[in-house]
Amino acid sequence: GADEVSKLTIGSHEVAMDVFVGDPDEDSTFKERVSKAHAVGILV
């Protein structure tokens, strides 16, 4: 969205969102960013 919301509260928990855009074959940071995540959402 226009406000670039990157954090939301769900109940007593906070959800922080990181966004990866592009081709994992061409970005060496993909695996590292996945390893730091608690979950992954594929956006279509």
All heavy atoms as atom14 arrays in JSON, in Angstrom:
{
  "sequence": "GADEVSKLTIGSHEVAMDVFVGDPDEDSTFKERVSKAHAVGILV",
  "atom14_mask": [
    [1, 1, 1, 1, 0, 0, 0, 0, 0, 0, 0, 0, 0, 0],
    [1, 1, 1, 1, 1, 0, 0, 0, 0, 0, 0, 0, 0, 0],
    [1, 1, 1, 1, 1, 1, 1, 1, 0, 0, 0, 0, 0, 0],
    [1, 1, 1, 1, 1, 1, 1, 1, 1, 0, 0, 0, 0, 0],
    [1, 1, 1, 1, 1, 1, 1, 0, 0, 0, 0, 0, 0, 0],
    [1, 1, 1, 1, 1, 1, 0, 0, 0, 0, 0, 0, 0, 0],
    [1, 1, 1, 1, 1, 1, 1, 1, 1, 0, 0, 0, 0, 0],
    [1, 1, 1, 1, 1, 1, 1, 1, 0, 0, 0, 0, 0, 0],
    [1, 1, 1, 1, 1, 1, 1, 0, 0, 0, 0, 0, 0, 0],
    [1, 1, 1, 1, 1, 1, 1, 1, 0, 0, 0, 0, 0, 0],
    [1, 1, 1, 1, 0, 0, 0, 0, 0, 0, 0, 0, 0, 0],
    [1, 1, 1, 1, 1, 1, 0, 0, 0, 0, 0, 0, 0, 0],
    [1, 1, 1, 1, 1, 1, 1, 1, 1, 1, 0, 0, 0, 0],
    [1, 1, 1, 1, 1, 1, 1, 1, 1, 0, 0, 0, 0, 0],
    [1, 1, 1, 1, 1, 1, 1, 0, 0, 0, 0, 0, 0, 0],
    [1, 1, 1, 1, 1, 0, 0, 0, 0, 0, 0, 0, 0, 0],
    [1, 1, 1, 1, 1, 1, 1, 1, 0, 0, 0, 0, 0, 0],
    [1, 1, 1, 1, 1, 1, 1, 1, 0, 0, 0, 0, 0, 0],
    [1, 1, 1, 1, 1, 1, 1, 0, 0, 0, 0, 0, 0, 0],
    [1, 1, 1, 1, 1, 1, 1, 1, 1, 1, 1, 0, 0, 0],
    [1, 1, 1, 1, 1, 1, 1, 0, 0, 0, 0, 0, 0, 0],
    [1, 1, 1, 1, 0, 0, 0, 0, 0, 0, 0, 0, 0, 0],
    [1, 1, 1, 1, 1, 1, 1, 1, 0, 0, 0, 0, 0, 0],
    [1, 1, 1, 1, 1, 1, 1, 0, 0, 0, 0, 0, 0, 0],
    [1, 1, 1, 1, 1, 1, 1, 1, 0, 0, 0, 0, 0, 0],
    [1, 1, 1, 1, 1, 1, 1, 1, 1, 0, 0, 0, 0, 0],
    [1, 1, 1, 1, 1, 1, 1, 1, 0, 0, 0, 0, 0, 0],
    [1, 1, 1, 1, 1, 1, 0, 0, 0, 0, 0, 0, 0, 0],
    [1, 1, 1, 1, 1, 1, 1, 0, 0, 0, 0, 0, 0, 0],
    [1, 1, 1, 1, 1, 1, 1, 1, 1, 1, 1, 0, 0, 0],
    [1, 1, 1, 1, 1, 1, 1, 1, 1, 0, 0, 0, 0, 0],
    [1, 1, 1, 1, 1, 1, 1, 1, 1, 0, 0, 0, 0, 0],
    [1, 1, 1, 1, 1, 1, 1, 1, 1, 1, 1, 0, 0, 0],
    [1, 1, 1, 1, 1, 1, 1, 0, 0, 0, 0, 0, 0, 0],
    [1, 1, 1, 1, 1, 1, 0, 0, 0, 0, 0, 0, 0, 0],
    [1, 1, 1, 1, 1, 1, 1, 1, 1, 0, 0, 0, 0, 0],
    [1, 1, 1, 1, 1, 0, 0, 0, 0, 0, 0, 0, 0, 0],
    [1, 1, 1, 1, 1, 1, 1, 1, 1, 1, 0, 0, 0, 0],
    [1, 1, 1, 1, 1, 0, 0, 0, 0, 0, 0, 0, 0, 0],
    [1, 1, 1, 1, 1, 1, 1, 0, 0, 0, 0, 0, 0, 0],
    [1, 1, 1, 1, 0, 0, 0, 0, 0, 0, 0, 0, 0, 0],
    [1, 1, 1, 1, 1, 1, 1, 1, 0, 0, 0, 0, 0, 0],
    [1, 1, 1, 1, 1, 1, 1, 1, 0, 0, 0, 0, 0, 0],
    [1, 1, 1, 1, 1, 1, 1, 0, 0, 0, 0, 0, 0, 0]
  ],
  "atom14_positions": [
    [[0.81, -1.2, 0.0], [0.0, 0.0, 0.0], [0.85, 1.25, 0.0], [2.07, 1.22, 0.11], [0.0, 0.0, 0.0], [0.0, 0.0, 0.0], [0.0, 0.0, 0.0], [0.0, 0.0, 0.0], [0.0, 0.0, 0.0], [0.0, 0.0, 0.0], [0.0, 0.0, 0.0], [0.0, 0.0, 0.0], [0.0, 0.0, 0.0], [0.0, 0.0, 0.0]],
    [[0.16, 2.39, -0.1], [0.85, 3.68, -0.18], [1.68, 3.96, 1.08], [2.71, 4.62, 1.02], [-0.16, 4.79, -0.41], [0.0, 0.0, 0.0], [0.0, 0.0, 0.0], [0.0, 0.0, 0.0], [0.0, 0.0, 0.0], [0.0, 0.0, 0.0], [0.0, 0.0, 0.0], [0.0, 0.0, 0.0], [0.0, 0.0, 0.0], [0.0, 0.0, 0.0]],
    [[1.21, 3.45, 2.23], [1.92, 3.69, 3.5], [3.06, 2.72, 3.72], [3.78, 2.81, 4.72], [0.93, 3.61, 4.67], [-0.15, 4.68, 4.59], [0.14, 5.76, 4.04], [-1.27, 4.42, 5.06], [0.0, 0.0, 0.0], [0.0, 0.0, 0.0], [0.0, 0.0, 0.0], [0.0, 0.0, 0.0], [0.0, 0.0, 0.0], [0.0, 0.0, 0.0]],
    [[3.22, 1.73, 2.8], [4.26, 0.73, 2.91], [4.26, 0.09, 4.3], [5.26, 0.08, 5.02], [5.63, 1.32, 2.57], [5.76, 1.77, 1.12], [7.18, 2.1, 0.73], [8.06, 2.11, 1.61], [7.41, 2.34, -0.46], [0.0, 0.0, 0.0], [0.0, 0.0, 0.0], [0.0, 0.0, 0.0], [0.0, 0.0, 0.0], [0.0, 0.0, 0.0]],
    [[3.12, -0.46, 4.67], [2.98, -1.12, 5.96], [3.9, -2.33, 6.02], [3.82, -3.23, 5.18], [1.51, -1.56, 6.17], [1.39, -2.33, 7.48], [0.6, -0.35, 6.18], [0.0, 0.0, 0.0], [0.0, 0.0, 0.0], [0.0, 0.0, 0.0], [0.0, 0.0, 0.0], [0.0, 0.0, 0.0], [0.0, 0.0, 0.0], [0.0, 0.0, 0.0]],
    [[4.8, -2.37, 6.99], [5.73, -3.49, 7.11], [5.55, -4.24, 8.43], [6.17, -5.28, 8.63], [7.18, -3.0, 6.99], [7.47, -2.06, 8.0], [0.0, 0.0, 0.0], [0.0, 0.0, 0.0], [0.0, 0.0, 0.0], [0.0, 0.0, 0.0], [0.0, 0.0, 0.0], [0.0, 0.0, 0.0], [0.0, 0.0, 0.0], [0.0, 0.0, 0.0]],
    [[4.7, -3.71, 9.31], [4.44, -4.38, 10.58], [2.96, -4.32, 10.92], [2.3, -3.3, 10.68], [5.24, -3.74, 11.72], [6.73, -3.99, 11.65], [7.44, -3.43, 12.88], [8.93, -3.7, 12.83], [9.62, -3.16, 14.03], [0.0, 0.0, 0.0], [0.0, 0.0, 0.0], [0.0, 0.0, 0.0], [0.0, 0.0, 0.0], [0.0, 0.0, 0.0]],
    [[2.45, -5.41, 11.44], [1.06, -5.47, 11.89], [1.01, -6.22, 13.22], [1.86, -7.08, 13.49], [0.19, -6.2, 10.87], [-0.22, -5.45, 9.6], [-0.98, -6.38, 8.67], [-1.08, -4.23, 9.93], [0.0, 0.0, 0.0], [0.0, 0.0, 0.0], [0.0, 0.0, 0.0], [0.0, 0.0, 0.0], [0.0, 0.0, 0.0], [0.0, 0.0, 0.0]],
    [[-0.01, -5.92, 14.0], [-0.22, -6.63, 15.26], [-1.38, -7.6, 15.1], [-2.44, -7.24, 14.6], [-0.53, -5.64, 16.4], [0.57, -4.76, 16.57], [-0.75, -6.4, 17.71], [0.0, 0.0, 0.0], [0.0, 0.0, 0.0], [0.0, 0.0, 0.0], [0.0, 0.0, 0.0], [0.0, 0.0, 0.0], [0.0, 0.0, 0.0], [0.0, 0.0, 0.0]],
    [[-1.14, -8.85, 15.5], [-2.19, -9.87, 15.49], [-2.31, -10.4, 16.91], [-1.44, -11.14, 17.39], [-1.86, -11.01, 14.52], [-1.68, -10.48, 13.1], [-2.93, -12.08, 14.55], [-1.29, -11.53, 12.09], [0.0, 0.0, 0.0], [0.0, 0.0, 0.0], [0.0, 0.0, 0.0], [0.0, 0.0, 0.0], [0.0, 0.0, 0.0], [0.0, 0.0, 0.0]],
    [[-3.39, -10.01, 17.59], [-3.52, -10.36, 18.99], [-2.41, -9.71, 19.79], [-2.2, -8.5, 19.72], [0.0, 0.0, 0.0], [0.0, 0.0, 0.0], [0.0, 0.0, 0.0], [0.0, 0.0, 0.0], [0.0, 0.0, 0.0], [0.0, 0.0, 0.0], [0.0, 0.0, 0.0], [0.0, 0.0, 0.0], [0.0, 0.0, 0.0], [0.0, 0.0, 0.0]],
    [[-1.66, -10.52, 20.53], [-0.54, -10.0, 21.32], [0.78, -10.09, 20.57], [1.83, -9.72, 21.09], [-0.43, -10.78, 22.64], [-0.2, -12.16, 22.39], [0.0, 0.0, 0.0], [0.0, 0.0, 0.0], [0.0, 0.0, 0.0], [0.0, 0.0, 0.0], [0.0, 0.0, 0.0], [0.0, 0.0, 0.0], [0.0, 0.0, 0.0], [0.0, 0.0, 0.0]],
    [[0.73, -10.59, 19.31], [1.95, -10.79, 18.54], [2.15, -9.69, 17.5], [1.19, -9.11, 17.0], [1.92, -12.15, 17.83], [1.69, -13.3, 18.75], [2.52, -13.61, 19.79], [0.7, -14.24, 18.78], [2.08, -14.67, 20.42], [0.97, -15.06, 19.83], [0.0, 0.0, 0.0], [0.0, 0.0, 0.0], [0.0, 0.0, 0.0], [0.0, 0.0, 0.0]],
    [[3.4, -9.44, 17.18], [3.73, -8.51, 16.11], [4.26, -9.3, 14.92], [5.05, -10.23, 15.09], [4.78, -7.5, 16.57], [5.11, -6.43, 15.52], [6.09, -5.39, 16.03], [7.28, -5.74, 16.16], [5.67, -4.26, 16.3], [0.0, 0.0, 0.0], [0.0, 0.0, 0.0], [0.0, 0.0, 0.0], [0.0, 0.0, 0.0], [0.0, 0.0, 0.0]],
    [[3.82, -8.92, 13.72], [4.29, -9.56, 12.5], [5.06, -8.52, 11.7], [4.53, -7.48, 11.33], [3.12, -10.11, 11.67], [3.65, -10.73, 10.38], [2.33, -11.14, 12.46], [0.0, 0.0, 0.0], [0.0, 0.0, 0.0], [0.0, 0.0, 0.0], [0.0, 0.0, 0.0], [0.0, 0.0, 0.0], [0.0, 0.0, 0.0], [0.0, 0.0, 0.0]],
    [[6.34, -8.81, 11.46], [7.2, -7.93, 10.68], [7.39, -8.55, 9.3], [7.77, -9.72, 9.19], [8.54, -7.74, 11.37], [0.0, 0.0, 0.0], [0.0, 0.0, 0.0], [0.0, 0.0, 0.0], [0.0, 0.0, 0.0], [0.0, 0.0, 0.0], [0.0, 0.0, 0.0], [0.0, 0.0, 0.0], [0.0, 0.0, 0.0], [0.0, 0.0, 0.0]],
    [[7.11, -7.77, 8.25], [7.17, -8.29, 6.89], [8.4, -7.77, 6.15], [8.66, -6.57, 6.14], [5.9, -7.91, 6.12], [4.67, -8.65, 6.59], [3.16, -8.05, 5.74], [2.96, -6.45, 6.55], [0.0, 0.0, 0.0], [0.0, 0.0, 0.0], [0.0, 0.0, 0.0], [0.0, 0.0, 0.0], [0.0, 0.0, 0.0], [0.0, 0.0, 0.0]],
    [[9.13, -8.69, 5.55], [10.22, -8.37, 4.65], [9.78, -8.78, 3.25], [9.08, -9.78, 3.1], [11.48, -9.14, 5.07], [12.67, -8.85, 4.18], [12.72, -7.76, 3.57], [13.57, -9.71, 4.09], [0.0, 0.0, 0.0], [0.0, 0.0, 0.0], [0.0, 0.0, 0.0], [0.0, 0.0, 0.0], [0.0, 0.0, 0.0], [0.0, 0.0, 0.0]],
    [[10.14, -8.02, 2.24], [9.68, -8.3, 0.87], [10.85, -8.63, -0.02], [11.84, -7.88, -0.09], [8.89, -7.1, 0.3], [8.49, -7.39, -1.14], [7.66, -6.8, 1.15], [0.0, 0.0, 0.0], [0.0, 0.0, 0.0], [0.0, 0.0, 0.0], [0.0, 0.0, 0.0], [0.0, 0.0, 0.0], [0.0, 0.0, 0.0], [0.0, 0.0, 0.0]],
    [[10.75, -9.77, -0.7], [11.74, -10.16, -1.71], [11.06, -10.11, -3.07], [10.01, -10.69, -3.27], [12.26, -11.58, -1.45], [13.19, -12.09, -2.53], [14.54, -11.87, -2.44], [12.68, -12.75, -3.64], [15.41, -12.31, -3.44], [13.53, -13.21, -4.65], [14.9, -12.99, -4.54], [0.0, 0.0, 0.0], [0.0, 0.0, 0.0], [0.0, 0.0, 0.0]],
    [[11.7, -9.41, -4.01], [11.16, -9.3, -5.36], [12.24, -9.72, -6.35], [13.39, -9.3, -6.25], [10.73, -7.85, -5.69], [10.2, -7.76, -7.11], [9.66, -7.38, -4.71], [0.0, 0.0, 0.0], [0.0, 0.0, 0.0], [0.0, 0.0, 0.0], [0.0, 0.0, 0.0], [0.0, 0.0, 0.0], [0.0, 0.0, 0.0], [0.0, 0.0, 0.0]],
    [[11.85, -10.57, -7.31], [12.8, -10.93, -8.35], [12.97, -12.42, -8.51], [12.11, -13.22, -8.13], [0.0, 0.0, 0.0], [0.0, 0.0, 0.0], [0.0, 0.0, 0.0], [0.0, 0.0, 0.0], [0.0, 0.0, 0.0], [0.0, 0.0, 0.0], [0.0, 0.0, 0.0], [0.0, 0.0, 0.0], [0.0, 0.0, 0.0], [0.0, 0.0, 0.0]],
    [[14.11, -12.81, -9.04], [14.43, -14.19, -9.38], [15.44, -14.74, -8.39], [16.56, -14.23, -8.29], [15.0, -14.25, -10.8], [15.2, -15.66, -11.29], [15.18, -16.6, -10.47], [15.38, -15.84, -12.51], [0.0, 0.0, 0.0], [0.0, 0.0, 0.0], [0.0, 0.0, 0.0], [0.0, 0.0, 0.0], [0.0, 0.0, 0.0], [0.0, 0.0, 0.0]],
    [[15.09, -15.78, -7.63], [16.05, -16.37, -6.67], [17.34, -16.84, -7.33], [18.38, -16.91, -6.68], [15.27, -17.55, -6.08], [13.83, -17.19, -6.27], [13.78, -16.45, -7.57], [0.0, 0.0, 0.0], [0.0, 0.0, 0.0], [0.0, 0.0, 0.0], [0.0, 0.0, 0.0], [0.0, 0.0, 0.0], [0.0, 0.0, 0.0], [0.0, 0.0, 0.0]],
    [[17.28, -17.19, -8.63], [18.48, -17.63, -9.34], [19.49, -16.5, -9.48], [20.69, -16.76, -9.65], [18.12, -18.14, -10.74], [17.34, -19.44, -10.7], [17.7, -20.31, -9.88], [16.37, -19.59, -11.47], [0.0, 0.0, 0.0], [0.0, 0.0, 0.0], [0.0, 0.0, 0.0], [0.0, 0.0, 0.0], [0.0, 0.0, 0.0], [0.0, 0.0, 0.0]],
    [[19.01, -15.27, -9.41], [19.89, -14.12, -9.66], [20.15, -13.29, -8.41], [20.8, -12.25, -8.49], [19.28, -13.24, -10.76], [19.08, -13.96, -12.08], [18.38, -13.1, -13.12], [18.02, -11.95, -12.78], [18.2, -13.57, -14.26], [0.0, 0.0, 0.0], [0.0, 0.0, 0.0], [0.0, 0.0, 0.0], [0.0, 0.0, 0.0], [0.0, 0.0, 0.0]],
    [[19.65, -13.73, -7.27], [19.83, -12.97, -6.03], [20.37, -13.9, -4.94], [19.66, -14.78, -4.45], [18.5, -12.35, -5.58], [18.67, -11.32, -4.48], [19.58, -11.49, -3.64], [17.89, -10.35, -4.43], [0.0, 0.0, 0.0], [0.0, 0.0, 0.0], [0.0, 0.0, 0.0], [0.0, 0.0, 0.0], [0.0, 0.0, 0.0], [0.0, 0.0, 0.0]],
    [[21.61, -13.7, -4.57], [22.27, -14.59, -3.61], [21.74, -14.44, -2.18], [22.07, -15.25, -1.31], [23.78, -14.33, -3.63], [24.06, -12.97, -3.28], [0.0, 0.0, 0.0], [0.0, 0.0, 0.0], [0.0, 0.0, 0.0], [0.0, 0.0, 0.0], [0.0, 0.0, 0.0], [0.0, 0.0, 0.0], [0.0, 0.0, 0.0], [0.0, 0.0, 0.0]],
    [[20.93, -13.39, -1.93], [20.42, -13.17, -0.58], [19.16, -13.97, -0.29], [18.68, -13.98, 0.85], [20.12, -11.68, -0.35], [18.99, -11.28, -1.16], [21.32, -10.82, -0.7], [0.0, 0.0, 0.0], [0.0, 0.0, 0.0], [0.0, 0.0, 0.0], [0.0, 0.0, 0.0], [0.0, 0.0, 0.0], [0.0, 0.0, 0.0], [0.0, 0.0, 0.0]],
    [[18.59, -14.64, -1.31], [17.3, -15.3, -1.15], [17.32, -16.34, -0.02], [16.49, -16.3, 0.89], [16.88, -15.97, -2.46], [15.54, -16.65, -2.39], [14.37, -15.91, -2.42], [15.46, -18.03, -2.3], [13.13, -16.54, -2.36], [14.23, -18.67, -2.23], [13.07, -17.92, -2.26], [0.0, 0.0, 0.0], [0.0, 0.0, 0.0], [0.0, 0.0, 0.0]],
    [[18.28, -17.27, -0.05], [18.32, -18.33, 0.96], [18.52, -17.76, 2.36], [17.91, -18.23, 3.32], [19.44, -19.32, 0.63], [19.12, -20.23, -0.53], [20.2, -21.29, -0.7], [19.87, -22.24, -1.83], [20.92, -23.27, -2.0], [0.0, 0.0, 0.0], [0.0, 0.0, 0.0], [0.0, 0.0, 0.0], [0.0, 0.0, 0.0], [0.0, 0.0, 0.0]],
    [[19.35, -16.75, 2.48], [19.61, -16.14, 3.78], [18.34, -15.5, 4.33], [18.03, -15.63, 5.53], [20.71, -15.1, 3.67], [21.04, -14.41, 4.99], [22.1, -13.34, 4.85], [22.61, -13.15, 3.73], [22.41, -12.68, 5.86], [0.0, 0.0, 0.0], [0.0, 0.0, 0.0], [0.0, 0.0, 0.0], [0.0, 0.0, 0.0], [0.0, 0.0, 0.0]],
    [[17.59, -14.82, 3.47], [16.37, -14.16, 3.93], [15.3, -15.17, 4.3], [14.53, -14.97, 5.25], [15.89, -13.17, 2.87], [16.87, -12.01, 2.71], [16.58, -11.16, 1.5], [15.42, -10.3, 1.7], [15.05, -9.37, 0.82], [15.75, -9.2, -0.3], [13.99, -8.63, 1.05], [0.0, 0.0, 0.0], [0.0, 0.0, 0.0], [0.0, 0.0, 0.0]],
    [[15.24, -16.27, 3.57], [14.31, -17.34, 3.93], [14.69, -17.94, 5.28], [13.82, -18.22, 6.13], [14.3, -18.44, 2.85], [13.5, -19.66, 3.33], [13.68, -17.9, 1.56], [0.0, 0.0, 0.0], [0.0, 0.0, 0.0], [0.0, 0.0, 0.0], [0.0, 0.0, 0.0], [0.0, 0.0, 0.0], [0.0, 0.0, 0.0], [0.0, 0.0, 0.0]],
    [[15.98, -18.12, 5.53], [16.45, -18.74, 6.78], [16.12, -17.9, 8.0], [16.02, -18.42, 9.12], [17.96, -18.99, 6.71], [18.68, -17.76, 6.73], [0.0, 0.0, 0.0], [0.0, 0.0, 0.0], [0.0, 0.0, 0.0], [0.0, 0.0, 0.0], [0.0, 0.0, 0.0], [0.0, 0.0, 0.0], [0.0, 0.0, 0.0], [0.0, 0.0, 0.0]],
    [[15.94, -16.59, 7.81], [15.64, -15.7, 8.93], [14.14, -15.54, 9.16], [13.72, -14.87, 10.12], [16.26, -14.32, 8.68], [17.78, -14.33, 8.67], [18.33, -12.93, 8.39], [19.86, -12.93, 8.41], [20.4, -11.57, 8.13], [0.0, 0.0, 0.0], [0.0, 0.0, 0.0], [0.0, 0.0, 0.0], [0.0, 0.0, 0.0], [0.0, 0.0, 0.0]],
    [[13.32, -16.13, 8.31], [11.86, -15.94, 8.39], [11.2, -17.06, 9.2], [11.68, -18.2, 9.22], [11.26, -15.9, 6.99], [0.0, 0.0, 0.0], [0.0, 0.0, 0.0], [0.0, 0.0, 0.0], [0.0, 0.0, 0.0], [0.0, 0.0, 0.0], [0.0, 0.0, 0.0], [0.0, 0.0, 0.0], [0.0, 0.0, 0.0], [0.0, 0.0, 0.0]],
    [[10.1, -16.71, 9.87], [9.27, -17.7, 10.55], [8.25, -18.31, 9.6], [7.71, -19.38, 9.87], [8.54, -17.07, 11.74], [9.44, -16.64, 12.85], [9.81, -15.33, 13.05], [10.05, -17.37, 13.82], [10.6, -15.25, 14.11], [10.77, -16.47, 14.59], [0.0, 0.0, 0.0], [0.0, 0.0, 0.0], [0.0, 0.0, 0.0], [0.0, 0.0, 0.0]],
    [[7.96, -17.61, 8.51], [6.99, -18.08, 7.52], [7.22, -17.3, 6.23], [7.84, -16.23, 6.23], [5.55, -17.88, 8.01], [0.0, 0.0, 0.0], [0.0, 0.0, 0.0], [0.0, 0.0, 0.0], [0.0, 0.0, 0.0], [0.0, 0.0, 0.0], [0.0, 0.0, 0.0], [0.0, 0.0, 0.0], [0.0, 0.0, 0.0], [0.0, 0.0, 0.0]],
    [[6.71, -17.86, 5.13], [6.86, -17.22, 3.82], [5.49, -17.14, 3.14], [4.75, -18.13, 3.1], [7.83, -18.01, 2.92], [7.87, -17.39, 1.52], [9.23, -18.03, 3.52], [0.0, 0.0, 0.0], [0.0, 0.0, 0.0], [0.0, 0.0, 0.0], [0.0, 0.0, 0.0], [0.0, 0.0, 0.0], [0.0, 0.0, 0.0], [0.0, 0.0, 0.0]],
    [[5.18, -15.98, 2.61], [3.96, -15.78, 1.83], [4.31, -15.49, 0.39], [5.08, -14.56, 0.11], [0.0, 0.0, 0.0], [0.0, 0.0, 0.0], [0.0, 0.0, 0.0], [0.0, 0.0, 0.0], [0.0, 0.0, 0.0], [0.0, 0.0, 0.0], [0.0, 0.0, 0.0], [0.0, 0.0, 0.0], [0.0, 0.0, 0.0], [0.0, 0.0, 0.0]],
    [[3.79, -16.3, -0.54], [4.02, -16.08, -1.97], [2.89, -15.2, -2.49], [1.72, -15.58, -2.4], [4.06, -17.4, -2.73], [5.15, -18.32, -2.17], [4.3, -17.15, -4.23], [5.13, -19.71, -2.77], [0.0, 0.0, 0.0], [0.0, 0.0, 0.0], [0.0, 0.0, 0.0], [0.0, 0.0, 0.0], [0.0, 0.0, 0.0], [0.0, 0.0, 0.0]],
    [[3.22, -14.04, -3.01], [2.22, -13.06, -3.43], [1.97, -13.17, -4.93], [2.91, -13.13, -5.73], [2.7, -11.66, -3.08], [1.77, -10.49, -3.39], [0.48, -10.62, -2.6], [2.46, -9.17, -3.06], [0.0, 0.0, 0.0], [0.0, 0.0, 0.0], [0.0, 0.0, 0.0], [0.0, 0.0, 0.0], [0.0, 0.0, 0.0], [0.0, 0.0, 0.0]],
    [[0.7, -13.32, -5.31], [0.34, -13.45, -6.73], [-0.84, -12.54, -7.03], [-1.55, -12.08, -6.13], [-0.01, -14.91, -7.1], [1.12, -15.85, -6.73], [-1.29, -15.36, -6.41], [0.0, 0.0, 0.0], [0.0, 0.0, 0.0], [0.0, 0.0, 0.0], [0.0, 0.0, 0.0], [0.0, 0.0, 0.0], [0.0, 0.0, 0.0], [0.0, 0.0, 0.0]]
  ]
}
